């Protein structure tokens, strides 16, 4: 009897960290049915000689909560081997939600995550109130990959407290209600609870989002309620109060199934490692996630991410061809240059963190710190604005510049991501869509941190982006290749694997812009046994599922 699919002769990297081995893999329905020498034929066969076969990758930090409404193929992560994505990070979600509160939550997501409010309000069905109802709505959208979600502090607090949720402390009774609602949301399928403690995440009126200043007792109560149903806690911490924040993370892990937090090298790897390893020694399930390269914006002529002066603001009003013509007009170009020069040293200092991404198909994220836009300008005896304009002109407006905000030093980042607890991943897919693009993180880990630099072995790189995040999410049937596991599978050519240069498209509702970033080197991606990608192109299949906690 024929199998549905047979992947023949691939280099199997099974996600466990075990050394790769050559084998065939048979798939029947949505499960792996055989690994080894498969004698039966497949109705469809993939010849994987010289290729690697791995579990599908799992993205622990996305904001695809809205995008899935109009993009059920879940680009850009599905171009990069991701077969399961976690929504609802950073405390911002669309459920639970009363009908009267929809615009508040949509406006909040716009200012926090740069997802247009109108796209959110018109691109989702908004036919839910409870978190379970929200998951039902996602399920009806039939995504191409698997989806699981966190219930957010903002929505939960606002549901209970209304406008008071933004700045006022919760009463004891309100804490009880918030905790009960969070626990109920996990009972209905959320895998955990997310909260934000960074004051910089703001509402349209400038106030910090609900829950930012919540008393730690509120979060401890939530963790206990969430933990009662097997959920975990995700936290974006304000590490200006380092000891207090780390103790809160420990308390959350003690009461729930575990704690997931965001980190960066600027916090200090040594002191983070000391705290997290102490938690782990206590038996606590604590994991961090970080951007696997320097995190920050991407700017160029097609974006609005560049200099801030009256002439440059005026430039933003033109279409792309108008912008290109403007920078080539001698008089206008001189205005652009003169106004930036007038800003003096602050601009110069900022360009020390801007890096040209190159003119090839593969973007460069790994320049030495002494190869910044500022350094390039000095070498050419120019002001950085002149260098920016010259490169942009020479590339017909296609030049992009990476603006490093954190994880700036890649040597320091290597130290962080080789700890036992810091997983490279945080791509923020679905958020900051016209300002940054890090959703190709999985491809970058394999191409840079494994193949190009050798920091990770192939088996370790795959383990960190499949089995480890599966364990964080409590997914026992995914994350490794084994008989009986779900058939979420990647087939890729490590010698060709790379990200392509980001590009701006206008495919959000109402023509809103976003960055996309495709990949090269993926022979196939299967989700639940069905092909969602072949030879770097999405198939249009939508076999993904909403993975609920219960």
Protein backbone atom coordinates (compact mmCIF):
# COMPACT_ATOMS: atom_id res chain seq x y z
CA UNK A 1 0.00 0.00 0.00
CA UNK A 2 1.42 3.38 -1.01
CA UNK A 3 2.21 6.13 1.47
CA UNK A 4 0.87 9.61 0.92
CA UNK A 5 4.36 11.13 0.81
CA UNK A 6 7.86 9.68 0.96
CA UNK A 7 10.93 11.86 1.42
CA UNK A 8 13.85 9.76 0.20
CA UNK A 9 17.49 9.74 1.16
CA UNK A 10 17.58 12.99 3.09
CA UNK A 11 19.98 14.02 5.83
CA UNK A 12 17.59 13.78 8.77
CA UNK A 13 18.11 16.43 11.46
CA UNK A 14 15.37 15.28 13.82
CA UNK A 15 15.25 18.20 16.28
CA UNK A 16 16.47 16.27 19.32
CA UNK A 17 20.06 17.46 18.99
CA UNK A 18 21.17 14.01 17.84
CA UNK A 19 23.68 13.89 14.98
CA UNK A 20 22.08 13.87 11.52
CA UNK A 21 21.59 10.54 9.78
CA UNK A 22 20.45 9.43 6.35
CA UNK A 23 16.96 7.96 6.10
CA UNK A 24 13.66 7.97 4.26
CA UNK A 25 10.56 9.44 5.90
CA UNK A 26 7.04 8.26 5.12
CA UNK A 27 3.97 10.39 5.80
CA UNK A 28 0.38 9.21 5.90
CA UNK A 29 -2.35 11.70 6.58
CA UNK A 30 -1.01 14.27 9.04
CA UNK A 31 1.51 11.97 10.73
CA UNK A 32 4.96 10.55 10.22
CA UNK A 33 4.41 6.81 9.73
CA UNK A 34 7.91 5.48 9.10
CA UNK A 35 11.55 6.58 9.33
CA UNK A 36 14.37 4.43 7.96
CA UNK A 37 14.44 2.47 4.72
CA UNK A 38 10.93 2.89 3.33
CA UNK A 39 10.21 0.15 0.80
CA UNK A 40 6.72 1.23 -0.23
CA UNK A 41 6.28 3.98 -2.77
CA UNK A 42 4.69 7.30 -2.04
CA UNK A 43 1.85 8.83 -4.02
CA UNK A 44 4.23 11.76 -4.04
CA UNK A 45 7.97 11.46 -3.53
CA UNK A 46 10.66 14.02 -2.76
CA UNK A 47 14.20 13.08 -3.72
CA UNK A 48 16.18 14.57 -0.85
CA UNK A 49 19.67 13.29 -1.65
CA UNK A 50 22.09 16.03 -0.53
CA UNK A 51 19.28 17.89 1.26
CA UNK A 52 18.42 18.24 4.94
CA UNK A 53 15.12 17.14 6.44
CA UNK A 54 14.04 18.76 9.70
CA UNK A 55 10.95 19.43 11.77
CA UNK A 56 8.95 22.50 10.88
CA UNK A 57 10.21 25.55 12.74
CA UNK A 58 8.24 27.16 15.56
CA UNK A 59 8.06 30.94 15.96
CA UNK A 60 7.65 31.97 19.60
CA UNK A 61 7.19 35.69 19.03
CA UNK A 62 4.80 37.04 16.40
CA UNK A 63 2.06 39.63 16.16
CA UNK A 64 0.17 37.96 13.34
CA UNK A 65 -3.08 38.37 15.30
CA UNK A 66 -4.48 40.75 12.67
CA UNK A 67 -2.64 39.77 9.50
CA UNK A 68 -4.01 36.25 9.56
CA UNK A 69 -7.42 37.81 8.84
CA UNK A 70 -6.47 38.83 5.30
CA UNK A 71 -3.36 36.70 4.80
CA UNK A 72 -4.24 33.13 5.80
CA UNK A 73 -1.00 31.94 4.17
CA UNK A 74 0.73 33.79 7.01
CA UNK A 75 3.52 35.35 5.06
CA UNK A 76 6.30 36.23 5.78
CA UNK A 77 7.06 33.37 8.23
CA UNK A 78 5.73 30.63 5.95
CA UNK A 79 8.45 31.49 3.41
CA UNK A 80 11.03 30.52 6.05
CA UNK A 81 10.05 27.03 7.13
CA UNK A 82 7.83 28.06 10.05
CA UNK A 83 4.93 25.66 10.53
CA UNK A 84 3.69 26.90 13.93
CA UNK A 85 3.43 30.52 15.05
CA UNK A 86 2.62 31.92 18.49
CA UNK A 87 0.34 34.98 18.45
CA UNK A 88 -0.52 37.41 21.24
CA UNK A 89 2.88 38.41 22.58
CA UNK A 90 3.69 41.59 24.55
CA UNK A 91 0.31 41.81 26.26
CA UNK A 92 -1.56 43.05 23.16
CA UNK A 93 -4.37 40.84 21.84
CA UNK A 94 -7.88 41.19 20.42
CA UNK A 95 -9.59 38.97 22.97
CA UNK A 96 -11.36 38.90 25.28
CA UNK A 97 -13.20 41.89 23.88
CA UNK A 98 -16.58 43.52 24.36
CA UNK A 99 -18.12 44.96 21.20
CA UNK A 100 -17.69 48.51 22.49
CA UNK A 101 -13.94 47.98 23.05
CA UNK A 102 -12.95 46.85 19.56
CA UNK A 103 -11.69 50.23 18.40
CA UNK A 104 -9.64 50.68 21.58
CA UNK A 105 -7.82 47.37 21.04
CA UNK A 106 -7.30 48.06 17.33
CA UNK A 107 -5.94 51.56 18.02
CA UNK A 108 -3.62 50.16 20.67
CA UNK A 109 -2.23 47.56 18.25
CA UNK A 110 -1.66 50.31 15.68
CA UNK A 111 0.49 52.46 17.97
CA UNK A 112 2.32 49.57 19.69
CA UNK A 113 2.96 47.29 16.72
CA UNK A 114 2.52 49.55 13.63
CA UNK A 115 -0.41 47.57 12.21
CA UNK A 116 -2.93 49.95 10.60
CA UNK A 117 -6.12 50.29 12.66
CA UNK A 118 -8.39 50.35 9.62
CA UNK A 119 -6.82 47.12 8.37
CA UNK A 120 -7.45 45.53 11.76
CA UNK A 121 -11.06 46.66 12.05
CA UNK A 122 -11.99 45.67 8.50
CA UNK A 123 -9.71 42.69 8.00
CA UNK A 124 -10.97 40.57 10.91
CA UNK A 125 -14.52 39.25 11.44
CA UNK A 126 -14.77 40.55 15.04
CA UNK A 127 -17.41 37.94 15.80
CA UNK A 128 -16.15 36.98 19.25
CA UNK A 129 -16.11 38.19 22.82
CA UNK A 130 -14.28 35.40 24.64
CA UNK A 131 -10.79 34.16 23.90
CA UNK A 132 -12.20 30.80 22.87
CA UNK A 133 -14.46 32.60 20.41
CA UNK A 134 -11.42 34.36 18.96
CA UNK A 135 -9.69 31.02 18.40
CA UNK A 136 -12.87 29.75 16.72
CA UNK A 137 -12.70 32.73 14.36
CA UNK A 138 -9.05 32.01 13.53
CA UNK A 139 -9.90 28.38 12.88
CA UNK A 140 -12.59 29.44 10.40
CA UNK A 141 -9.95 31.42 8.48
CA UNK A 142 -8.12 28.13 7.70
CA UNK A 143 -4.50 29.30 8.04
CA UNK A 144 -1.77 27.63 6.02
CA UNK A 145 0.29 26.90 9.14
CA UNK A 146 -0.51 26.06 12.75
CA UNK A 147 -1.49 28.85 15.09
CA UNK A 148 -1.52 29.05 18.86
CA UNK A 149 -2.14 32.09 21.00
CA UNK A 150 -1.50 33.91 24.25
CA UNK A 151 -4.22 35.91 25.97
CA UNK A 152 -2.99 39.46 26.57
CA UNK A 153 -2.93 41.51 29.74
CA UNK A 154 -4.19 44.64 27.96
CA UNK A 155 -7.40 43.07 26.67
CA UNK A 156 -8.04 41.13 29.88
CA UNK A 157 -7.52 44.14 32.13
CA UNK A 158 -9.59 46.45 29.91
CA UNK A 159 -12.40 43.89 29.79
CA UNK A 160 -12.61 43.96 33.60
CA UNK A 161 -11.73 47.57 34.41
CA UNK A 162 -12.62 49.62 31.35
CA UNK A 163 -10.82 52.96 31.03
CA UNK A 164 -9.46 52.60 34.59
CA UNK A 165 -7.29 49.75 33.27
CA UNK A 166 -4.85 52.16 31.65
CA UNK A 167 -3.37 53.86 34.68
CA UNK A 168 -5.13 52.85 37.88
CA UNK A 169 -4.30 49.97 40.21
CA UNK A 170 -6.74 47.10 40.29
CA UNK A 171 -8.72 46.47 43.44
CA UNK A 172 -8.53 43.08 45.12
CA UNK A 173 -11.82 42.11 43.49
CA UNK A 174 -10.64 43.29 40.08
CA UNK A 175 -7.42 41.29 40.46
CA UNK A 176 -9.57 38.26 41.20
CA UNK A 177 -11.68 38.92 38.06
CA UNK A 178 -8.62 39.50 35.84
CA UNK A 179 -7.01 36.29 37.07
CA UNK A 180 -10.23 34.30 36.61
CA UNK A 181 -10.66 35.65 33.07
CA UNK A 182 -7.05 34.81 32.22
CA UNK A 183 -7.48 31.28 33.57
CA UNK A 184 -10.75 30.86 31.68
CA UNK A 185 -9.04 31.99 28.47
CA UNK A 186 -6.39 29.29 28.92
CA UNK A 187 -9.13 26.78 29.65
CA UNK A 188 -10.67 27.83 26.31
CA UNK A 189 -7.43 27.22 24.42
CA UNK A 190 -4.86 29.97 25.01
CA UNK A 191 -1.44 28.44 25.72
CA UNK A 192 -0.61 31.16 28.20
CA UNK A 193 -0.77 34.82 29.19
CA UNK A 194 1.34 37.74 27.95
CA UNK A 195 2.16 41.02 29.66
CA UNK A 196 4.19 44.12 28.90
CA UNK A 197 6.13 46.15 31.46
CA UNK A 198 7.92 48.58 29.12
CA UNK A 199 6.49 52.12 29.45
CA UNK A 200 7.46 52.82 25.83
CA UNK A 201 4.59 50.70 24.49
CA UNK A 202 1.92 53.42 24.26
CA UNK A 203 -1.67 54.15 23.32
CA UNK A 204 -2.52 56.79 20.70
CA UNK A 205 -2.87 59.42 23.45
CA UNK A 206 0.66 58.74 24.72
CA UNK A 207 -0.23 56.79 27.85
CA UNK A 208 1.40 53.41 28.45
CA UNK A 209 -0.76 50.41 27.56
CA UNK A 210 -2.95 48.72 30.21
CA UNK A 211 -1.05 46.48 32.59
CA UNK A 212 2.33 48.18 32.20
CA UNK A 213 2.33 49.37 35.79
CA UNK A 214 0.21 46.60 37.27
CA UNK A 215 1.25 45.57 40.76
CA UNK A 216 3.28 42.39 40.84
CA UNK A 217 0.59 40.80 43.02
CA UNK A 218 -1.77 41.08 40.05
CA UNK A 219 0.64 39.15 37.83
CA UNK A 220 1.26 36.56 40.52
CA UNK A 221 -2.49 35.99 40.79
CA UNK A 222 -2.75 35.68 37.02
CA UNK A 223 0.15 33.21 36.90
CA UNK A 224 -1.55 31.02 39.50
CA UNK A 225 -4.84 31.04 37.59
CA UNK A 226 -3.15 30.41 34.24
CA UNK A 227 -0.99 27.67 35.73
CA UNK A 228 -4.07 25.85 37.03
CA UNK A 229 -4.93 25.07 33.40
CA UNK A 230 -1.37 24.38 32.23
CA UNK A 231 -0.60 27.79 30.76
CA UNK A 232 2.69 29.70 30.86
CA UNK A 233 3.58 33.38 31.25
CA UNK A 234 5.22 35.57 28.59
CA UNK A 235 6.74 38.83 29.81
CA UNK A 236 8.31 41.85 28.18
CA UNK A 237 10.22 43.19 31.16
CA UNK A 238 11.49 46.62 32.13
CA UNK A 239 15.01 45.66 33.11
CA UNK A 240 15.77 49.04 34.65
CA UNK A 241 14.55 47.25 37.78
CA UNK A 242 16.59 44.16 37.03
CA UNK A 243 16.43 42.22 40.29
CA UNK A 244 12.74 42.89 40.80
CA UNK A 245 11.85 41.90 37.24
CA UNK A 246 13.84 38.68 37.42
CA UNK A 247 12.20 37.77 40.71
CA UNK A 248 8.80 38.37 39.11
CA UNK A 249 9.74 36.04 36.24
CA UNK A 250 10.75 33.42 38.82
CA UNK A 251 7.45 33.84 40.67
CA UNK A 252 5.52 33.49 37.42
CA UNK A 253 7.40 30.28 36.63
CA UNK A 254 6.74 28.89 40.11
CA UNK A 255 2.97 29.33 39.73
CA UNK A 256 2.53 28.46 36.04
CA UNK A 257 3.89 25.91 33.59
CA UNK A 258 6.84 28.18 32.86
CA UNK A 259 8.05 31.66 31.97
CA UNK A 260 9.15 33.08 28.62
CA UNK A 261 10.79 36.50 28.46
CA UNK A 262 12.49 38.70 25.87
CA UNK A 263 16.18 39.54 26.21
CA UNK A 264 18.96 41.49 24.50
CA UNK A 265 22.72 41.68 24.97
CA UNK A 266 22.46 45.23 26.31
CA UNK A 267 20.80 43.87 29.46
CA UNK A 268 23.98 41.93 30.24
CA UNK A 269 24.43 38.24 29.46
CA UNK A 270 26.46 37.47 32.57
CA UNK A 271 23.91 38.77 35.04
CA UNK A 272 21.01 37.28 33.08
CA UNK A 273 22.73 33.91 33.02
CA UNK A 274 23.34 33.98 36.76
CA UNK A 275 19.66 34.62 37.49
CA UNK A 276 18.20 32.20 34.93
CA UNK A 277 20.52 29.35 35.80
CA UNK A 278 19.57 29.78 39.47
CA UNK A 279 15.91 29.53 38.47
CA UNK A 280 16.60 26.42 36.42
CA UNK A 281 18.54 24.90 39.29
CA UNK A 282 15.37 25.38 41.34
CA UNK A 283 13.55 23.30 38.71
CA UNK A 284 11.75 26.24 37.09
CA UNK A 285 10.96 26.20 33.39
CA UNK A 286 12.40 29.55 32.23
CA UNK A 287 13.34 30.39 28.64
CA UNK A 288 14.21 33.59 26.83
CA UNK A 289 13.94 34.58 23.19
CA UNK A 290 15.97 37.21 21.36
CA UNK A 291 16.45 38.55 17.85
CA UNK A 292 19.20 36.42 16.23
CA UNK A 293 20.90 39.49 14.73
CA UNK A 294 20.99 43.19 15.50
CA UNK A 295 17.40 44.29 15.97
CA UNK A 296 16.13 47.53 14.54
CA UNK A 297 14.54 49.31 11.63
CA UNK A 298 15.11 49.12 7.91
CA UNK A 299 15.05 52.33 5.91
CA UNK A 300 15.30 53.36 2.30
CA UNK A 301 13.68 55.52 -0.32
CA UNK A 302 10.59 53.28 -0.53
CA UNK A 303 10.00 53.56 3.23
CA UNK A 304 9.35 56.42 5.62
CA UNK A 305 12.27 55.34 7.75
CA UNK A 306 14.89 58.00 7.07
CA UNK A 307 15.89 61.52 8.12
CA UNK A 308 13.55 63.95 9.92
CA UNK A 309 13.58 67.50 8.53
CA UNK A 310 10.99 69.59 6.63
CA UNK A 311 12.43 68.66 3.22
CA UNK A 312 12.57 64.98 4.12
CA UNK A 313 9.01 65.10 5.49
CA UNK A 314 7.96 66.65 2.19
CA UNK A 315 9.73 63.79 0.38
CA UNK A 316 7.47 61.34 2.19
CA UNK A 317 4.45 62.78 0.37
CA UNK A 318 5.77 61.68 -3.06
CA UNK A 319 5.36 58.26 -4.63
CA UNK A 320 8.51 56.24 -5.23
CA UNK A 321 9.23 57.67 -8.69
CA UNK A 322 8.63 61.16 -7.34
CA UNK A 323 11.07 60.54 -4.50
CA UNK A 324 13.73 59.25 -6.90
CA UNK A 325 13.31 62.26 -9.18
CA UNK A 326 13.47 64.59 -6.18
CA UNK A 327 16.79 63.27 -4.86
CA UNK A 328 18.21 63.57 -8.38
CA UNK A 329 17.15 67.21 -8.66
CA UNK A 330 20.22 69.26 -7.73
CA UNK A 331 18.35 72.00 -5.85
CA UNK A 332 16.10 69.65 -3.92
CA UNK A 333 19.02 67.38 -3.11
CA UNK A 334 20.91 70.33 -1.69
CA UNK A 335 17.93 71.13 0.57
CA UNK A 336 17.90 67.56 1.83
CA UNK A 337 21.61 67.71 2.60
CA UNK A 338 21.66 71.18 4.16
CA UNK A 339 18.78 70.51 6.55
CA UNK A 340 20.35 67.31 7.88
CA UNK A 341 23.73 68.99 8.30
CA UNK A 342 22.05 71.68 10.38
CA UNK A 343 20.99 69.02 12.91
CA UNK A 344 24.63 68.57 13.84
CA UNK A 345 26.14 65.87 16.02
CA UNK A 346 22.98 63.93 17.00
CA UNK A 347 22.47 62.88 13.37
CA UNK A 348 26.11 61.91 13.01
CA UNK A 349 25.92 59.77 16.13
CA UNK A 350 22.79 58.05 14.87
CA UNK A 351 24.41 57.07 11.56
CA UNK A 352 27.07 55.13 13.47
CA UNK A 353 24.32 52.50 13.84
CA UNK A 354 23.13 52.57 10.20
CA UNK A 355 24.51 49.89 7.88
CA UNK A 356 24.04 49.51 4.14
CA UNK A 357 22.53 46.10 3.42
CA UNK A 358 24.36 45.75 0.11
CA UNK A 359 23.30 45.47 -3.52
CA UNK A 360 23.10 41.68 -3.85
CA UNK A 361 20.14 39.33 -3.58
CA UNK A 362 21.13 38.43 -0.01
CA UNK A 363 21.01 41.27 2.52
CA UNK A 364 23.99 41.78 4.78
CA UNK A 365 23.24 41.93 8.51
CA UNK A 366 26.71 41.15 9.78
CA UNK A 367 28.89 44.17 9.03
CA UNK A 368 31.56 45.05 11.55
CA UNK A 369 30.71 48.05 13.71
CA UNK A 370 33.41 50.03 11.92
CA UNK A 371 31.58 49.64 8.59
CA UNK A 372 28.63 51.87 9.43
CA UNK A 373 27.14 54.57 7.21
CA UNK A 374 29.10 57.05 9.30
CA UNK A 375 32.36 55.19 8.63
CA UNK A 376 31.58 54.90 4.91
CA UNK A 377 30.97 58.66 4.79
CA UNK A 378 34.24 59.42 6.53
CA UNK A 379 36.14 57.20 4.08
CA UNK A 380 34.53 59.02 1.15
CA UNK A 381 35.03 62.47 2.74
CA UNK A 382 31.25 63.00 2.80
CA UNK A 383 28.56 63.74 5.31
CA UNK A 384 26.46 60.58 6.02
CA UNK A 385 23.41 62.15 4.38
CA UNK A 386 25.46 62.62 1.21
CA UNK A 387 26.56 58.98 1.32
CA UNK A 388 22.97 57.85 1.87
CA UNK A 389 21.78 59.86 -1.13
CA UNK A 390 24.68 58.76 -3.34
CA UNK A 391 24.16 55.03 -2.68
CA UNK A 392 20.40 55.42 -3.07
CA UNK A 393 20.87 57.20 -6.40
CA UNK A 394 23.40 54.63 -7.66
CA UNK A 395 21.02 51.76 -6.83
CA UNK A 396 18.02 53.46 -8.49
CA UNK A 397 16.41 53.93 -5.12
CA UNK A 398 16.67 50.29 -4.05
CA UNK A 399 19.29 50.74 -1.31
CA UNK A 400 18.22 49.71 2.19
CA UNK A 401 19.90 50.58 5.45
CA UNK A 402 19.70 48.49 8.62
CA UNK A 403 19.33 50.66 11.72
CA UNK A 404 20.69 48.70 14.68
CA UNK A 405 18.85 49.39 17.92
CA UNK A 406 19.76 46.43 20.15
CA UNK A 407 21.89 43.30 19.97
CA UNK A 408 24.23 45.72 18.24
CA UNK A 409 27.43 43.79 18.90
CA UNK A 410 27.26 40.39 17.20
CA UNK A 411 30.14 39.00 19.29
CA UNK A 412 28.12 39.75 22.41
CA UNK A 413 25.03 38.27 20.78
CA UNK A 414 26.93 35.02 20.17
CA UNK A 415 27.62 34.83 23.89
CA UNK A 416 23.91 35.27 24.65
CA UNK A 417 22.51 32.75 22.17
CA UNK A 418 24.93 30.01 23.18
CA UNK A 419 23.58 29.92 26.74
CA UNK A 420 21.27 27.06 27.65
CA UNK A 421 18.24 29.30 28.03
CA UNK A 422 18.36 32.06 25.34
CA UNK A 423 16.80 30.95 22.06
CA UNK A 424 17.37 32.94 18.87
CA UNK A 425 13.97 33.65 17.42
CA UNK A 426 12.16 36.88 18.15
CA UNK A 427 11.17 38.03 14.66
CA UNK A 428 8.06 40.12 15.49
CA UNK A 429 6.32 38.92 12.31
CA UNK A 430 3.16 40.90 11.65
CA UNK A 431 4.34 43.94 13.62
CA UNK A 432 6.19 47.14 12.72
CA UNK A 433 5.41 46.09 9.21
CA UNK A 434 6.65 49.18 7.39
CA UNK A 435 9.60 49.83 9.69
CA UNK A 436 11.42 46.54 10.27
CA UNK A 437 11.56 43.00 8.93
CA UNK A 438 13.05 40.22 11.03
CA UNK A 439 10.55 37.47 10.22
CA UNK A 440 13.23 35.54 8.30
CA UNK A 441 14.98 34.75 11.58
CA UNK A 442 14.92 30.96 11.08
CA UNK A 443 16.66 31.18 7.72
CA UNK A 444 19.25 33.55 9.20
CA UNK A 445 20.00 31.17 12.08
CA UNK A 446 20.68 28.30 9.72
CA UNK A 447 22.59 30.32 7.12
CA UNK A 448 24.63 32.56 9.43
CA UNK A 449 24.87 31.02 12.88
CA UNK A 450 25.34 27.50 11.52
CA UNK A 451 26.71 27.49 7.96
CA UNK A 452 28.65 30.77 7.74
CA UNK A 453 29.98 31.15 11.29
CA UNK A 454 29.85 27.61 12.70
CA UNK A 455 28.58 28.84 16.08
CA UNK A 456 25.86 26.19 16.03
CA UNK A 457 26.12 22.70 14.64
CA UNK A 458 23.27 21.92 12.29
CA UNK A 459 21.61 19.67 14.84
CA UNK A 460 21.86 22.32 17.56
CA UNK A 461 20.50 25.08 15.32
CA UNK A 462 17.52 22.93 14.37
CA UNK A 463 16.90 21.87 17.99
CA UNK A 464 16.72 25.50 19.11
CA UNK A 465 14.11 26.41 16.51
CA UNK A 466 11.97 23.28 16.68
CA UNK A 467 12.08 21.03 19.76
CA UNK A 468 12.85 23.75 22.31
CA UNK A 469 10.00 26.09 21.30
CA UNK A 470 7.67 23.08 21.03
CA UNK A 471 8.48 22.30 24.66
CA UNK A 472 7.85 25.93 25.65
CA UNK A 473 4.39 25.72 24.07
CA UNK A 474 3.65 22.28 25.49
CA UNK A 475 3.33 20.72 22.02
CA UNK A 476 4.08 17.05 22.58
CA UNK A 477 3.24 15.95 19.03
CA UNK A 478 5.46 18.44 17.15
CA UNK A 479 8.99 19.80 17.16
CA UNK A 480 10.84 16.55 16.38
CA UNK A 481 10.80 14.01 13.58
CA UNK A 482 9.61 10.68 14.97
CA UNK A 483 7.04 8.05 14.08
CA UNK A 484 3.63 9.14 15.32
CA UNK A 485 4.48 12.85 15.41
CA UNK A 486 2.63 15.35 13.25
CA UNK A 487 4.08 15.76 9.79
CA UNK A 488 5.39 19.31 10.07
CA UNK A 489 8.53 18.93 7.96
CA UNK A 490 11.11 21.04 6.13
CA UNK A 491 13.36 19.91 3.27
CA UNK A 492 16.13 22.41 2.56
CA UNK A 493 19.49 22.85 0.88
CA UNK A 494 21.83 24.31 3.48
CA UNK A 495 24.34 25.33 0.81
CA UNK A 496 21.75 27.64 -0.85
CA UNK A 497 19.73 28.72 2.16
CA UNK A 498 19.46 32.48 2.59
CA UNK A 499 17.12 35.41 3.01
CA UNK A 500 16.34 37.63 0.06
CA UNK A 501 16.51 41.41 0.19
CA UNK A 502 13.46 42.95 1.91
CA UNK A 503 10.98 44.74 -0.28
CA UNK A 504 8.00 47.02 0.30
CA UNK A 505 4.63 45.85 -1.00
CA UNK A 506 1.19 47.40 -0.55
CA UNK A 507 -0.92 44.29 0.03
CA UNK A 508 -2.47 45.11 3.40
CA UNK A 509 -6.12 46.28 3.42
CA UNK A 510 -6.56 49.74 1.89
CA UNK A 511 -3.17 49.41 0.22
CA UNK A 512 -1.16 49.89 3.41
CA UNK A 513 2.56 49.13 2.98
CA UNK A 514 4.61 46.40 4.61
CA UNK A 515 7.97 44.76 4.25
CA UNK A 516 8.19 41.21 2.99
CA UNK A 517 11.24 39.00 2.83
CA UNK A 518 11.36 35.80 0.83
CA UNK A 519 13.88 32.97 1.13
CA UNK A 520 15.91 30.69 -1.11
CA UNK A 521 16.89 27.09 -0.46
CA UNK A 522 13.63 25.50 0.75
CA UNK A 523 12.75 22.48 -1.37
CA UNK A 524 9.53 21.85 0.53
CA UNK A 525 7.62 22.65 3.69
CA UNK A 526 4.81 20.39 4.85
CA UNK A 527 2.31 21.27 7.56
CA UNK A 528 0.15 18.44 8.88
CA UNK A 529 1.30 16.34 5.93
CA UNK A 530 0.30 18.82 3.22
CA UNK A 531 2.65 20.91 1.08
CA UNK A 532 2.48 24.60 1.93
CA UNK A 533 5.70 25.48 0.06
CA UNK A 534 7.55 23.97 -2.90
CA UNK A 535 10.83 25.27 -4.27
CA UNK A 536 10.58 28.52 -2.31
CA UNK A 537 7.03 29.27 -3.50
CA UNK A 538 3.87 29.00 -1.41
CA UNK A 539 1.35 26.50 -2.76
CA UNK A 540 -1.80 28.18 -1.47
CA UNK A 541 -2.73 25.12 0.63
CA UNK A 542 -4.26 25.89 4.03
CA UNK A 543 -3.82 22.78 6.21
CA UNK A 544 -2.86 24.64 9.40
CA UNK A 545 -4.73 24.20 12.66
CA UNK A 546 -5.42 26.23 15.75
CA UNK A 547 -3.50 24.42 18.48
CA UNK A 548 -5.33 24.84 21.78
CA UNK A 549 -4.01 24.25 25.24
CA UNK A 550 -6.61 21.63 26.04
